Amino acid sequence: MPRLILFNKPYGVLPQFTDRGTDGARPTLSDFIDLPGVYPAGRLDLDSEGLLLLTDDGRLQSRIADPRFKLPKTYLVQVEGEPDAASLDALRRGVQLKDGPTRPAEVERIADPALWPRDPPIRVRKSIPDCWISLTIREGRNRQVRRMTAAVGHPTLRLVRWRVGDWTVDGLKPGEWMPVTA
């Protein structure tokens, strides 16, 4: 039976088990998870938080990470400014990025979610409002959500992956993990 781990990756943690950087001082998955033979199924940038799935099964890893399977990924995104209906509609239709158009996304404005505090906190500018959106995509390009919100004029301030398929980070504190049935 394949192992599947749900991990709430904190901000600033490398989504790999070793730091290949010059000083090797950044926190990695090995600072939180001491299970041999599990590997991340997909990516989650250093400056993003939330659900990271890990498994010991290569087929499952591929099925989760490969865009061909169109597994939905839902992000809670704090953006600069307050997107209007036209901006949200553009995200719903798909936006043009330098590497081509994105697939249509599901998006809606949401109330401020009851999340854990981020360390360090985001930059706050009193003269520029911000708000939260829920954004679901079915592909996984490099820094895609950040590039999508920037393309409609609302740069991402905080990005939390909340759900991948049927799995969610709900109930896990940053740095916590739990095994689930694959």
N, C-alpha and C. Protein backbone atom coordinates (compact mmCIF):
# COMPACT_ATOMS: atom_id res chain seq x y z
N MET A 1 0.85 -1.18 0.00
CA MET A 1 0.00 0.00 0.00
C MET A 1 0.90 1.24 0.00
N PRO A 2 0.71 2.16 -0.97
CA PRO A 2 1.57 3.35 -1.01
C PRO A 2 1.32 4.26 0.18
N ARG A 3 2.39 4.89 0.61
CA ARG A 3 2.26 5.89 1.68
C ARG A 3 1.99 7.24 1.05
N LEU A 4 1.10 8.01 1.68
CA LEU A 4 0.82 9.38 1.25
C LEU A 4 0.81 10.25 2.50
N ILE A 5 1.56 11.31 2.44
CA ILE A 5 1.72 12.23 3.56
C ILE A 5 1.19 13.61 3.16
N LEU A 6 0.36 14.21 4.02
CA LEU A 6 -0.06 15.60 3.86
C LEU A 6 0.83 16.43 4.76
N PHE A 7 1.45 17.46 4.21
CA PHE A 7 2.37 18.31 4.98
C PHE A 7 1.98 19.76 4.76
N ASN A 8 1.89 20.52 5.85
CA ASN A 8 1.64 21.95 5.77
C ASN A 8 3.00 22.65 5.74
N LYS A 9 3.47 22.94 4.54
CA LYS A 9 4.80 23.54 4.37
C LYS A 9 4.78 25.00 4.80
N PRO A 10 5.61 25.34 5.77
CA PRO A 10 5.69 26.74 6.17
C PRO A 10 6.40 27.61 5.12
N TYR A 11 6.16 28.89 5.19
CA TYR A 11 6.86 29.87 4.36
C TYR A 11 8.36 29.72 4.59
N GLY A 12 9.14 29.79 3.53
CA GLY A 12 10.60 29.79 3.66
C GLY A 12 11.24 28.42 3.75
N VAL A 13 10.44 27.36 3.65
CA VAL A 13 10.99 26.00 3.70
C VAL A 13 11.15 25.49 2.27
N LEU A 14 12.34 24.97 1.96
CA LEU A 14 12.58 24.39 0.64
C LEU A 14 11.75 23.12 0.49
N PRO A 15 11.09 22.93 -0.64
CA PRO A 15 10.26 21.74 -0.83
C PRO A 15 11.07 20.53 -1.28
N GLN A 16 12.20 20.31 -0.64
CA GLN A 16 13.08 19.17 -0.93
C GLN A 16 13.79 18.80 0.37
N PHE A 17 14.45 17.67 0.38
CA PHE A 17 15.05 17.18 1.63
C PHE A 17 16.45 17.69 1.89
N THR A 18 17.11 18.27 0.89
CA THR A 18 18.44 18.83 1.11
C THR A 18 18.50 20.22 0.49
N ASP A 19 19.35 21.06 1.04
CA ASP A 19 19.57 22.40 0.50
C ASP A 19 20.82 22.36 -0.36
N ARG A 20 20.60 22.53 -1.66
CA ARG A 20 21.73 22.50 -2.59
C ARG A 20 22.32 23.90 -2.78
N GLY A 21 21.90 24.85 -1.95
CA GLY A 21 22.41 26.21 -2.04
C GLY A 21 23.85 26.28 -1.56
N THR A 22 24.40 27.47 -1.62
CA THR A 22 25.82 27.64 -1.30
C THR A 22 26.13 27.39 0.16
N ASP A 23 25.23 27.77 1.07
CA ASP A 23 25.56 27.60 2.49
C ASP A 23 24.81 26.45 3.15
N GLY A 24 23.76 25.94 2.50
CA GLY A 24 23.02 24.81 3.05
C GLY A 24 22.29 25.12 4.33
N ALA A 25 22.00 26.40 4.58
CA ALA A 25 21.42 26.79 5.87
C ALA A 25 19.90 26.96 5.85
N ARG A 26 19.28 26.84 4.68
CA ARG A 26 17.84 27.04 4.62
C ARG A 26 17.10 25.81 5.15
N PRO A 27 15.94 26.01 5.79
CA PRO A 27 15.18 24.85 6.26
C PRO A 27 14.65 24.04 5.08
N THR A 28 14.60 22.73 5.25
CA THR A 28 14.14 21.81 4.22
C THR A 28 13.10 20.87 4.81
N LEU A 29 12.57 20.00 3.97
CA LEU A 29 11.60 19.01 4.44
C LEU A 29 12.18 18.11 5.53
N SER A 30 13.49 17.85 5.47
CA SER A 30 14.12 16.97 6.46
C SER A 30 14.09 17.57 7.86
N ASP A 31 13.86 18.87 7.98
CA ASP A 31 13.72 19.49 9.30
C ASP A 31 12.36 19.17 9.93
N PHE A 32 11.44 18.64 9.14
CA PHE A 32 10.08 18.38 9.62
C PHE A 32 9.65 16.93 9.48
N ILE A 33 10.15 16.23 8.47
CA ILE A 33 9.67 14.89 8.15
C ILE A 33 10.85 13.92 8.18
N ASP A 34 10.75 12.92 9.06
CA ASP A 34 11.80 11.92 9.18
C ASP A 34 11.24 10.56 8.77
N LEU A 35 10.90 10.46 7.48
CA LEU A 35 10.38 9.21 6.93
C LEU A 35 11.22 8.86 5.71
N PRO A 36 11.89 7.73 5.73
CA PRO A 36 12.69 7.36 4.55
C PRO A 36 11.80 6.99 3.37
N GLY A 37 12.27 7.34 2.18
CA GLY A 37 11.63 6.88 0.96
C GLY A 37 10.43 7.66 0.46
N VAL A 38 10.06 8.78 1.10
CA VAL A 38 8.97 9.60 0.58
C VAL A 38 9.55 10.82 -0.12
N TYR A 39 8.85 11.23 -1.18
CA TYR A 39 9.30 12.36 -1.98
C TYR A 39 8.12 13.24 -2.34
N PRO A 40 8.36 14.53 -2.54
CA PRO A 40 7.25 15.43 -2.89
C PRO A 40 6.61 15.06 -4.22
N ALA A 41 5.30 15.16 -4.24
CA ALA A 41 4.53 14.96 -5.47
C ALA A 41 4.11 16.35 -5.93
N GLY A 42 4.93 16.97 -6.74
CA GLY A 42 4.69 18.34 -7.17
C GLY A 42 5.62 19.30 -6.45
N ARG A 43 5.42 20.57 -6.75
CA ARG A 43 6.28 21.61 -6.19
C ARG A 43 5.44 22.60 -5.40
N LEU A 44 6.10 23.31 -4.51
CA LEU A 44 5.52 24.43 -3.81
C LEU A 44 6.68 25.36 -3.49
N ASP A 45 6.69 26.53 -4.09
CA ASP A 45 7.82 27.44 -4.00
C ASP A 45 8.23 27.75 -2.56
N LEU A 46 9.47 28.15 -2.41
CA LEU A 46 10.03 28.55 -1.13
C LEU A 46 9.16 29.58 -0.44
N ASP A 47 8.62 30.55 -1.20
CA ASP A 47 7.85 31.64 -0.60
C ASP A 47 6.34 31.38 -0.63
N SER A 48 5.94 30.13 -0.85
CA SER A 48 4.54 29.74 -0.78
C SER A 48 4.37 28.81 0.42
N GLU A 49 3.14 28.73 0.91
CA GLU A 49 2.84 27.92 2.09
C GLU A 49 1.75 26.92 1.75
N GLY A 50 1.53 25.98 2.66
CA GLY A 50 0.37 25.13 2.55
C GLY A 50 0.66 23.70 2.15
N LEU A 51 -0.33 23.08 1.53
CA LEU A 51 -0.33 21.65 1.30
C LEU A 51 0.74 21.19 0.31
N LEU A 52 1.57 20.29 0.79
CA LEU A 52 2.53 19.59 -0.04
C LEU A 52 2.30 18.10 0.21
N LEU A 53 2.10 17.35 -0.86
CA LEU A 53 1.89 15.91 -0.75
C LEU A 53 3.21 15.20 -0.97
N LEU A 54 3.46 14.17 -0.17
CA LEU A 54 4.66 13.35 -0.33
C LEU A 54 4.22 11.89 -0.38
N THR A 55 4.90 11.10 -1.19
CA THR A 55 4.56 9.69 -1.32
C THR A 55 5.82 8.87 -1.60
N ASP A 56 5.68 7.57 -1.38
CA ASP A 56 6.76 6.64 -1.69
C ASP A 56 6.45 5.86 -2.97
N ASP A 57 5.39 6.24 -3.67
CA ASP A 57 4.93 5.53 -4.86
C ASP A 57 5.11 6.41 -6.10
N GLY A 58 5.98 5.99 -7.01
CA GLY A 58 6.27 6.79 -8.19
C GLY A 58 5.06 7.02 -9.09
N ARG A 59 4.21 6.02 -9.23
CA ARG A 59 3.01 6.17 -10.07
C ARG A 59 2.07 7.20 -9.46
N LEU A 60 1.86 7.11 -8.15
CA LEU A 60 0.99 8.08 -7.47
C LEU A 60 1.60 9.48 -7.56
N GLN A 61 2.91 9.57 -7.37
CA GLN A 61 3.60 10.85 -7.47
C GLN A 61 3.36 11.48 -8.84
N SER A 62 3.48 10.68 -9.89
CA SER A 62 3.26 11.18 -11.24
C SER A 62 1.81 11.59 -11.46
N ARG A 63 0.89 10.80 -10.96
CA ARG A 63 -0.54 11.11 -11.14
C ARG A 63 -0.91 12.42 -10.44
N ILE A 64 -0.32 12.69 -9.29
CA ILE A 64 -0.60 13.92 -8.56
C ILE A 64 0.04 15.12 -9.26
N ALA A 65 1.27 14.96 -9.71
CA ALA A 65 2.04 16.10 -10.21
C ALA A 65 1.84 16.39 -11.70
N ASP A 66 1.52 15.39 -12.49
CA ASP A 66 1.48 15.56 -13.94
C ASP A 66 0.24 16.33 -14.38
N PRO A 67 0.42 17.47 -15.09
CA PRO A 67 -0.72 18.28 -15.54
C PRO A 67 -1.69 17.53 -16.46
N ARG A 68 -1.25 16.44 -17.08
CA ARG A 68 -2.16 15.69 -17.95
C ARG A 68 -3.37 15.17 -17.21
N PHE A 69 -3.22 14.92 -15.90
CA PHE A 69 -4.32 14.38 -15.11
C PHE A 69 -5.26 15.47 -14.58
N LYS A 70 -4.85 16.74 -14.74
CA LYS A 70 -5.69 17.90 -14.41
C LYS A 70 -6.27 17.85 -13.00
N LEU A 71 -5.47 17.40 -12.04
CA LEU A 71 -5.90 17.37 -10.65
C LEU A 71 -6.05 18.81 -10.16
N PRO A 72 -7.23 19.19 -9.67
CA PRO A 72 -7.42 20.58 -9.26
C PRO A 72 -6.59 20.93 -8.02
N LYS A 73 -6.01 22.12 -8.05
CA LYS A 73 -5.24 22.65 -6.93
C LYS A 73 -5.85 24.00 -6.56
N THR A 74 -6.28 24.12 -5.30
CA THR A 74 -6.93 25.35 -4.84
C THR A 74 -5.98 26.12 -3.94
N TYR A 75 -5.85 27.40 -4.24
CA TYR A 75 -4.98 28.30 -3.50
C TYR A 75 -5.80 29.42 -2.88
N LEU A 76 -5.43 29.81 -1.66
CA LEU A 76 -5.96 31.01 -1.05
C LEU A 76 -4.89 32.06 -1.29
N VAL A 77 -5.27 33.15 -1.96
CA VAL A 77 -4.30 34.11 -2.43
C VAL A 77 -4.65 35.50 -1.93
N GLN A 78 -3.74 36.10 -1.20
CA GLN A 78 -3.90 37.49 -0.79
C GLN A 78 -3.24 38.34 -1.86
N VAL A 79 -4.03 39.21 -2.46
CA VAL A 79 -3.52 40.03 -3.56
C VAL A 79 -3.55 41.50 -3.20
N GLU A 80 -2.69 42.23 -3.87
CA GLU A 80 -2.64 43.68 -3.73
C GLU A 80 -3.81 44.28 -4.51
N GLY A 81 -4.50 45.21 -3.89
CA GLY A 81 -5.64 45.84 -4.53
C GLY A 81 -6.90 45.00 -4.37
N GLU A 82 -7.95 45.44 -5.03
CA GLU A 82 -9.23 44.75 -4.96
C GLU A 82 -9.69 44.44 -6.39
N PRO A 83 -9.50 43.21 -6.84
CA PRO A 83 -9.85 42.86 -8.22
C PRO A 83 -11.34 43.10 -8.51
N ASP A 84 -11.59 43.71 -9.66
CA ASP A 84 -12.98 43.94 -10.07
C ASP A 84 -13.46 42.73 -10.87
N ALA A 85 -14.72 42.79 -11.30
CA ALA A 85 -15.31 41.68 -12.03
C ALA A 85 -14.52 41.35 -13.30
N ALA A 86 -14.01 42.36 -13.99
CA ALA A 86 -13.25 42.12 -15.22
C ALA A 86 -11.96 41.35 -14.94
N SER A 87 -11.29 41.67 -13.85
CA SER A 87 -10.06 40.96 -13.50
C SER A 87 -10.35 39.50 -13.15
N LEU A 88 -11.40 39.28 -12.38
CA LEU A 88 -11.77 37.91 -12.01
C LEU A 88 -12.23 37.12 -13.24
N ASP A 89 -12.96 37.77 -14.13
CA ASP A 89 -13.39 37.11 -15.36
C ASP A 89 -12.20 36.72 -16.24
N ALA A 90 -11.19 37.59 -16.28
CA ALA A 90 -9.99 37.28 -17.06
C ALA A 90 -9.32 36.01 -16.52
N LEU A 91 -9.24 35.89 -15.20
CA LEU A 91 -8.66 34.68 -14.60
C LEU A 91 -9.52 33.46 -14.92
N ARG A 92 -10.83 33.64 -14.91
CA ARG A 92 -11.74 32.52 -15.22
C ARG A 92 -11.57 32.04 -16.67
N ARG A 93 -11.31 32.96 -17.58
CA ARG A 93 -11.13 32.60 -18.99
C ARG A 93 -9.74 32.04 -19.27
N GLY A 94 -8.77 32.43 -18.45
CA GLY A 94 -7.37 32.10 -18.70
C GLY A 94 -6.67 33.36 -19.16
N VAL A 95 -5.46 33.56 -18.68
CA VAL A 95 -4.71 34.78 -19.02
C VAL A 95 -3.49 34.41 -19.84
N GLN A 96 -3.01 35.38 -20.60
CA GLN A 96 -1.82 35.18 -21.42
C GLN A 96 -0.58 35.44 -20.57
N LEU A 97 0.30 34.45 -20.48
CA LEU A 97 1.58 34.60 -19.80
C LEU A 97 2.68 34.51 -20.86
N LYS A 98 3.90 34.79 -20.47
CA LYS A 98 5.00 34.73 -21.44
C LYS A 98 5.15 33.35 -22.07
N ASP A 99 4.79 32.30 -21.32
CA ASP A 99 4.92 30.95 -21.85
C ASP A 99 3.60 30.41 -22.41
N GLY A 100 2.67 31.32 -22.72
CA GLY A 100 1.42 30.92 -23.35
C GLY A 100 0.22 31.13 -22.45
N PRO A 101 -0.97 30.91 -23.00
CA PRO A 101 -2.19 31.13 -22.21
C PRO A 101 -2.38 30.04 -21.15
N THR A 102 -2.97 30.43 -20.04
CA THR A 102 -3.31 29.46 -19.00
C THR A 102 -4.67 28.85 -19.31
N ARG A 103 -4.92 27.72 -18.73
CA ARG A 103 -6.26 27.14 -18.82
C ARG A 103 -7.20 27.99 -17.95
N PRO A 104 -8.48 27.92 -18.22
CA PRO A 104 -9.42 28.65 -17.36
C PRO A 104 -9.29 28.20 -15.90
N ALA A 105 -9.52 29.15 -15.00
CA ALA A 105 -9.43 28.89 -13.56
C ALA A 105 -10.79 29.15 -12.92
N GLU A 106 -10.98 28.54 -11.77
CA GLU A 106 -12.14 28.88 -10.94
C GLU A 106 -11.64 29.91 -9.95
N VAL A 107 -12.35 31.02 -9.83
CA VAL A 107 -11.89 32.08 -8.94
C VAL A 107 -13.08 32.80 -8.32
N GLU A 108 -12.91 33.18 -7.07
CA GLU A 108 -13.90 34.00 -6.39
C GLU A 108 -13.22 34.78 -5.28
N ARG A 109 -13.79 35.93 -5.00
CA ARG A 109 -13.33 36.70 -3.85
C ARG A 109 -13.86 36.05 -2.60
N ILE A 110 -13.04 36.01 -1.55
CA ILE A 110 -13.45 35.38 -0.30
C ILE A 110 -13.14 36.32 0.86
N ALA A 111 -13.80 36.07 1.99
CA ALA A 111 -13.48 36.80 3.22
C ALA A 111 -12.09 36.38 3.69
N ASP A 112 -11.47 37.23 4.50
CA ASP A 112 -10.16 36.89 5.03
C ASP A 112 -10.24 35.52 5.72
N PRO A 113 -9.46 34.54 5.26
CA PRO A 113 -9.51 33.22 5.88
C PRO A 113 -8.83 33.23 7.25
N ALA A 114 -9.26 32.35 8.12
CA ALA A 114 -8.66 32.25 9.45
C ALA A 114 -7.42 31.36 9.34
N LEU A 115 -6.33 31.96 8.90
CA LEU A 115 -5.07 31.24 8.72
C LEU A 115 -4.11 31.52 9.86
N TRP A 116 -3.10 30.71 9.95
CA TRP A 116 -2.00 30.91 10.87
C TRP A 116 -1.24 32.17 10.46
N PRO A 117 -0.58 32.84 11.41
CA PRO A 117 0.24 33.99 11.02
C PRO A 117 1.45 33.54 10.21
N ARG A 118 1.85 34.38 9.25
CA ARG A 118 3.03 34.06 8.45
C ARG A 118 4.25 34.69 9.10
N ASP A 119 5.36 33.96 9.07
CA ASP A 119 6.61 34.46 9.61
C ASP A 119 7.66 34.39 8.51
N PRO A 120 8.11 35.55 8.01
CA PRO A 120 7.75 36.92 8.40
C PRO A 120 6.41 37.32 7.79
N PRO A 121 5.76 38.32 8.40
CA PRO A 121 4.48 38.78 7.84
C PRO A 121 4.68 39.44 6.48
N ILE A 122 3.59 39.52 5.71
CA ILE A 122 3.66 40.19 4.42
C ILE A 122 3.89 41.68 4.64
N ARG A 123 4.35 42.36 3.59
CA ARG A 123 4.48 43.81 3.68
C ARG A 123 3.09 44.42 3.56
N VAL A 124 2.80 45.35 4.42
CA VAL A 124 1.49 46.02 4.39
C VAL A 124 1.73 47.48 4.06
N ARG A 125 0.98 47.97 3.08
CA ARG A 125 1.06 49.39 2.74
C ARG A 125 -0.32 50.00 3.01
N LYS A 126 -0.35 50.93 3.91
CA LYS A 126 -1.62 51.53 4.33
C LYS A 126 -2.38 52.17 3.18
N SER A 127 -1.66 52.64 2.16
CA SER A 127 -2.32 53.34 1.05
C SER A 127 -2.86 52.39 -0.01
N ILE A 128 -2.51 51.10 0.07
CA ILE A 128 -2.97 50.14 -0.95
C ILE A 128 -3.73 49.02 -0.25
N PRO A 129 -5.02 48.87 -0.57
CA PRO A 129 -5.78 47.79 0.07
C PRO A 129 -5.35 46.44 -0.48
N ASP A 130 -5.79 45.39 0.20
CA ASP A 130 -5.57 44.04 -0.30
C ASP A 130 -6.83 43.24 -0.03
N CYS A 131 -6.92 42.08 -0.67
CA CYS A 131 -8.05 41.19 -0.42
C CYS A 131 -7.63 39.77 -0.72
N TRP A 132 -8.51 38.82 -0.44
CA TRP A 132 -8.25 37.41 -0.66
C TRP A 132 -9.14 36.87 -1.77
N ILE A 133 -8.56 35.97 -2.56
CA ILE A 133 -9.33 35.23 -3.55
C ILE A 133 -9.03 33.74 -3.38
N SER A 134 -9.95 32.92 -3.80
CA SER A 134 -9.73 31.49 -3.91
C SER A 134 -9.56 31.21 -5.40
N LEU A 135 -8.48 30.53 -5.76
CA LEU A 135 -8.15 30.29 -7.16
C LEU A 135 -7.85 28.80 -7.34
N THR A 136 -8.57 28.15 -8.25
CA THR A 136 -8.34 26.73 -8.52
C THR A 136 -7.86 26.57 -9.95
N ILE A 137 -6.72 25.90 -10.10
CA ILE A 137 -6.15 25.65 -11.42
C ILE A 137 -5.98 24.15 -11.62
N ARG A 138 -5.80 23.76 -12.87
CA ARG A 138 -5.63 22.35 -13.20
C ARG A 138 -4.37 22.14 -14.04
N GLU A 139 -3.40 22.98 -13.82
CA GLU A 139 -2.09 22.83 -14.44
C GLU A 139 -1.09 23.27 -13.38
N GLY A 140 0.17 23.28 -13.68
CA GLY A 140 1.14 23.60 -12.64
C GLY A 140 2.43 24.17 -13.18
N ARG A 141 2.32 25.30 -13.83
CA ARG A 141 3.54 25.94 -14.34
C ARG A 141 4.30 26.62 -13.20
N ASN A 142 5.54 26.91 -13.47
CA ASN A 142 6.38 27.58 -12.49
C ASN A 142 5.78 28.92 -12.07
N ARG A 143 5.53 29.09 -10.79
CA ARG A 143 5.01 30.33 -10.19
C ARG A 143 3.74 30.82 -10.90
N GLN A 144 2.94 29.88 -11.35
CA GLN A 144 1.78 30.21 -12.18
C GLN A 144 0.77 31.12 -11.51
N VAL A 145 0.38 30.82 -10.29
CA VAL A 145 -0.64 31.65 -9.63
C VAL A 145 -0.13 33.08 -9.46
N ARG A 146 1.10 33.23 -9.04
CA ARG A 146 1.67 34.58 -8.89
C ARG A 146 1.69 35.33 -10.22
N ARG A 147 2.05 34.63 -11.29
CA ARG A 147 2.09 35.28 -12.60
C ARG A 147 0.68 35.61 -13.10
N MET A 148 -0.28 34.76 -12.79
CA MET A 148 -1.66 35.02 -13.22
C MET A 148 -2.23 36.26 -12.53
N THR A 149 -2.05 36.36 -11.21
CA THR A 149 -2.61 37.53 -10.51
C THR A 149 -1.90 38.81 -10.94
N ALA A 150 -0.60 38.72 -11.18
CA ALA A 150 0.14 39.89 -11.67
C ALA A 150 -0.34 40.30 -13.05
N ALA A 151 -0.69 39.32 -13.89
CA ALA A 151 -1.14 39.61 -15.26
C ALA A 151 -2.45 40.40 -15.28
N VAL A 152 -3.25 40.28 -14.22
CA VAL A 152 -4.49 41.06 -14.16
C VAL A 152 -4.35 42.27 -13.24
N GLY A 153 -3.10 42.61 -12.89
CA GLY A 153 -2.83 43.84 -12.15
C GLY A 153 -2.94 43.74 -10.64
N HIS A 154 -2.90 42.52 -10.10
CA HIS A 154 -3.03 42.34 -8.66
C HIS A 154 -1.96 41.37 -8.15
N PRO A 155 -0.75 41.88 -7.90
CA PRO A 155 0.34 41.00 -7.45
C PRO A 155 -0.01 40.23 -6.18
N THR A 156 0.50 39.01 -6.10
CA THR A 156 0.28 38.16 -4.94
C THR A 156 1.13 38.62 -3.78
N LEU A 157 0.50 38.74 -2.61
CA LEU A 157 1.21 39.07 -1.38
C LEU A 157 1.47 37.82 -0.54
N ARG A 158 0.50 36.93 -0.53
CA ARG A 158 0.62 35.67 0.23
C ARG A 158 -0.09 34.58 -0.55
N LEU A 159 0.53 33.40 -0.59
CA LEU A 159 0.00 32.29 -1.37
C LEU A 159 0.00 31.02 -0.52
N VAL A 160 -1.20 30.48 -0.31
CA VAL A 160 -1.36 29.27 0.51
C VAL A 160 -2.09 28.22 -0.33
N ARG A 161 -1.42 27.09 -0.59
CA ARG A 161 -2.12 26.01 -1.29
C ARG A 161 -2.98 25.30 -0.26
N TRP A 162 -4.28 25.33 -0.49
CA TRP A 162 -5.25 24.79 0.47
C TRP A 162 -5.66 23.36 0.15
N ARG A 163 -5.74 23.04 -1.14
CA ARG A 163 -6.29 21.74 -1.52
C ARG A 163 -5.60 21.25 -2.79
N VAL A 164 -5.39 19.93 -2.85
CA VAL A 164 -4.97 19.25 -4.07
C VAL A 164 -5.91 18.06 -4.21
N GLY A 165 -6.72 18.06 -5.28
CA GLY A 165 -7.72 17.00 -5.43
C GLY A 165 -8.65 17.00 -4.23
N ASP A 166 -8.76 15.85 -3.57
CA ASP A 166 -9.62 15.73 -2.38
C ASP A 166 -8.87 15.96 -1.08
N TRP A 167 -7.57 16.18 -1.15
CA TRP A 167 -6.76 16.35 0.06
C TRP A 167 -6.66 17.83 0.40
N THR A 168 -6.71 18.14 1.70
CA THR A 168 -6.66 19.52 2.14
C THR A 168 -5.71 19.68 3.32
N VAL A 169 -5.26 20.89 3.52
CA VAL A 169 -4.36 21.21 4.62
C VAL A 169 -5.15 21.61 5.87
N ASP A 170 -6.46 21.67 5.74
CA ASP A 170 -7.32 22.08 6.86
C ASP A 170 -7.03 21.23 8.10
N GLY A 171 -6.78 21.89 9.22
CA GLY A 171 -6.52 21.19 10.47
C GLY A 171 -5.05 20.93 10.76
N LEU A 172 -4.17 21.18 9.78
CA LEU A 172 -2.73 20.99 10.00
C LEU A 172 -2.07 22.34 10.24
N LYS A 173 -1.33 22.45 11.31
CA LYS A 173 -0.57 23.67 11.58
C LYS A 173 0.69 23.67 10.72
N PRO A 174 1.27 24.85 10.47
CA PRO A 174 2.52 24.88 9.69
C PRO A 174 3.57 23.97 10.32
N GLY A 175 4.19 23.14 9.47
CA GLY A 175 5.22 22.21 9.92
C GLY A 175 4.67 20.86 10.34
N GLU A 176 3.35 20.71 10.43
CA GLU A 176 2.75 19.43 10.81
C GLU A 176 2.49 18.59 9.56
N TRP A 177 2.49 17.27 9.75
CA TRP A 177 2.18 16.35 8.68
C TRP A 177 1.37 15.20 9.25
N MET A 178 0.67 14.52 8.34
CA MET A 178 -0.08 13.33 8.76
C MET A 178 -0.21 12.37 7.58
N PRO A 179 -0.17 11.08 7.88
CA PRO A 179 -0.38 10.10 6.82
C PRO A 179 -1.86 9.97 6.52
N VAL A 180 -2.19 9.69 5.26
CA VAL A 180 -3.57 9.46 4.86
C VAL A 180 -3.59 8.27 3.90
N THR A 181 -4.78 7.79 3.61
CA THR A 181 -4.94 6.70 2.66
C THR A 181 -4.81 7.26 1.25
N ALA A 182 -3.99 6.62 0.45
CA ALA A 182 -3.79 7.08 -0.92
C ALA A 182 -4.99 6.72 -1.78
